[in-house]
Amino acid sequence: MVLVDELGPSTVNLRIYFWINGHTHSQVKVRSSVIRLTKLAIEEAGLTMPDESREVIFPKGVPVHMIEGTKMGDTLTTPSTVASAKPRQPTHPADRSESSSAENGLESEQGALEEQARNARSPESGANLLEK
C-alpha cells in the first residue's frame, strides 16, 4: 500500500507498507530493494528529486549573461536542458534486478544465525576475559 504521508514545500512524501514472510525474507534487504527500485523507476520516468527549498538574497543584484540556444516560448532551451528532460536509462542491467549485490539476495539470515549458534562454544567453556 502506498499512501501520501506529507506534502512538503517541494516534495510529496510517500509512505509504503508491505508484508513479507520474515522466515524466508529479510525485512532490511526487502526494504532496501523497494527503495532502490522505486528511485530507479522515478528516474526512468524522467522525474528528478528536488533540492531543499532555499531563498538566496543578493543585495547588490546578480549580473545575467544569456547562453546561446534557441528560444521556445518564454524559456531558453539549451542542449543541457533538453537532455535533462529525457527519461534516464539504467546504467547497468543489474540496476533492475530484484536484489543488488549489496543486498545479496532477499533471503532471511535466520537459518545462518541459528547454524552459527549451534556451532558456537558454550560461554562457560572458556576463560573469563573480564576477571582482573
Protein backbone atom coordinates (compact mmCIF):
# COMPACT_ATOMS: atom_id res chain seq x y z
CA MET A 1 0.00 0.00 0.00
CA VAL A 2 1.39 3.43 -0.94
CA LEU A 3 -0.01 6.49 0.85
CA VAL A 4 0.85 10.18 0.64
CA ASP A 5 2.38 10.90 4.04
CA GLU A 6 3.11 14.61 3.72
CA LEU A 7 3.15 17.43 1.20
CA GLY A 8 6.39 19.34 1.69
CA PRO A 9 7.34 22.69 0.15
CA SER A 10 8.91 20.95 -2.85
CA THR A 11 8.19 17.26 -2.24
CA VAL A 12 5.45 14.67 -2.00
CA ASN A 13 6.49 12.26 0.76
CA LEU A 14 5.15 8.75 0.36
CA ARG A 15 4.79 6.01 2.96
CA ILE A 16 4.97 2.45 1.61
CA TYR A 17 3.59 -0.52 3.54
CA PHE A 18 4.28 -4.12 2.57
CA TRP A 19 4.05 -7.57 4.09
CA ILE A 20 6.78 -10.18 3.85
CA ASN A 21 7.28 -13.60 5.35
CA GLY A 22 10.04 -12.89 7.88
CA HIS A 23 11.04 -16.56 7.99
CA THR A 24 12.04 -16.57 4.32
CA HIS A 25 12.89 -12.91 3.58
CA SER A 26 14.94 -10.24 5.33
CA GLN A 27 12.92 -7.10 6.15
CA VAL A 28 16.03 -4.90 5.87
CA LYS A 29 17.02 -6.33 2.46
CA VAL A 30 13.47 -6.11 1.04
CA ARG A 31 13.16 -2.50 2.27
CA SER A 32 16.46 -1.63 0.57
CA SER A 33 15.29 -3.26 -2.67
CA VAL A 34 11.92 -1.44 -2.61
CA ILE A 35 13.60 1.96 -2.07
CA ARG A 36 16.24 1.31 -4.77
CA LEU A 37 13.72 0.11 -7.38
CA THR A 38 11.28 2.95 -6.60
CA LYS A 39 14.04 5.55 -7.05
CA LEU A 40 15.10 3.90 -10.31
CA ALA A 41 11.51 3.92 -11.65
CA ILE A 42 11.16 7.63 -10.77
CA GLU A 43 14.42 8.45 -12.58
CA GLU A 44 13.48 6.36 -15.63
CA ALA A 45 10.20 8.27 -15.86
CA GLY A 46 12.23 11.46 -16.27
CA LEU A 47 11.39 12.88 -12.86
CA THR A 48 14.10 14.46 -10.74
CA MET A 49 14.45 14.57 -7.00
CA PRO A 50 14.09 18.17 -5.79
CA ASP A 51 16.67 20.00 -3.73
CA GLU A 52 15.67 21.63 -0.49
CA SER A 53 13.95 24.98 -0.97
CA ARG A 54 16.27 27.90 -0.35
CA GLU A 55 15.94 31.61 -0.70
CA VAL A 56 19.11 33.43 -1.66
CA ILE A 57 19.17 37.20 -1.49
CA PHE A 58 21.78 39.15 -3.46
CA PRO A 59 21.71 42.73 -2.07
CA LYS A 60 23.77 44.10 -4.97
CA GLY A 61 21.99 42.07 -7.66
CA VAL A 62 23.38 39.41 -9.99
CA PRO A 63 24.74 40.07 -13.48
CA VAL A 64 22.93 37.94 -16.07
CA HIS A 65 24.65 36.65 -19.21
CA MET A 66 22.50 34.91 -21.81
CA ILE A 67 23.59 31.45 -23.03
CA GLU A 68 23.39 30.66 -26.72
CA GLY A 69 20.41 28.49 -27.56
CA THR A 70 17.00 28.51 -29.16
CA LYS A 71 14.16 30.33 -27.53
CA MET A 72 10.93 28.33 -27.12
CA GLY A 73 8.06 30.32 -25.66
CA ASP A 74 9.29 32.09 -22.54
CA THR A 75 12.13 29.65 -21.84
CA LEU A 76 15.58 29.35 -23.29
CA THR A 77 16.36 25.79 -24.39
CA THR A 78 19.97 24.63 -24.42
CA PRO A 79 21.32 21.13 -25.16
CA SER A 80 21.78 20.52 -21.42
CA THR A 81 18.18 21.39 -20.53
CA VAL A 82 16.80 19.24 -23.35
CA ALA A 83 18.94 16.26 -22.28
CA SER A 84 17.82 16.52 -18.66
CA ALA A 85 14.15 16.16 -19.65
CA LYS A 86 14.67 12.76 -21.29
CA PRO A 87 13.95 9.62 -19.25
CA ARG A 88 17.05 8.04 -17.75
CA GLN A 89 18.09 4.59 -18.92
CA PRO A 90 19.59 2.18 -16.37
CA THR A 91 23.37 2.35 -16.39
CA HIS A 92 23.64 -1.41 -15.95
CA PRO A 93 21.13 -4.25 -16.42
CA ALA A 94 21.70 -5.30 -12.80
CA ASP A 95 20.12 -1.99 -11.67
CA ARG A 96 16.69 -3.50 -12.40
CA SER A 97 17.31 -6.79 -10.61
CA GLU A 98 15.21 -7.65 -7.58
CA SER A 99 18.30 -7.79 -5.38
CA SER A 100 21.56 -5.86 -5.73
CA SER A 101 24.98 -7.31 -4.94
CA ALA A 102 24.96 -5.29 -1.70
CA GLU A 103 21.62 -6.83 -0.68
CA ASN A 104 22.96 -10.32 -1.58
CA GLY A 105 19.52 -11.81 -2.16
CA LEU A 106 16.41 -11.07 -0.14
CA GLU A 107 16.53 -14.23 1.96
CA SER A 108 16.37 -14.11 5.74
CA GLU A 109 19.58 -14.67 7.71
CA GLN A 110 17.67 -16.63 10.39
CA GLY A 111 18.91 -20.06 9.25
CA ALA A 112 22.55 -18.94 9.10
CA LEU A 113 22.30 -17.35 12.55
CA GLU A 114 20.74 -20.48 14.04
CA GLU A 115 23.53 -22.60 12.50
CA GLN A 116 26.19 -20.28 13.95
CA ALA A 117 24.53 -20.53 17.37
CA ARG A 118 24.53 -24.36 17.19
CA ASN A 119 28.24 -24.37 16.30
CA ALA A 120 29.30 -21.78 18.89
CA ARG A 121 31.09 -22.83 22.06
CA SER A 122 29.36 -22.61 25.40
CA PRO A 123 30.20 -19.35 27.20
CA GLU A 124 31.09 -21.35 30.32
CA SER A 125 33.68 -23.48 28.49
CA GLY A 126 36.21 -20.67 28.05
CA ALA A 127 38.24 -18.43 30.33
CA ASN A 128 36.58 -15.33 31.79
CA LEU A 129 38.26 -12.43 29.97
CA LEU A 130 36.77 -9.81 32.31
CA GLU A 131 38.45 -11.00 35.52
CA LYS A 132 41.39 -8.96 36.81
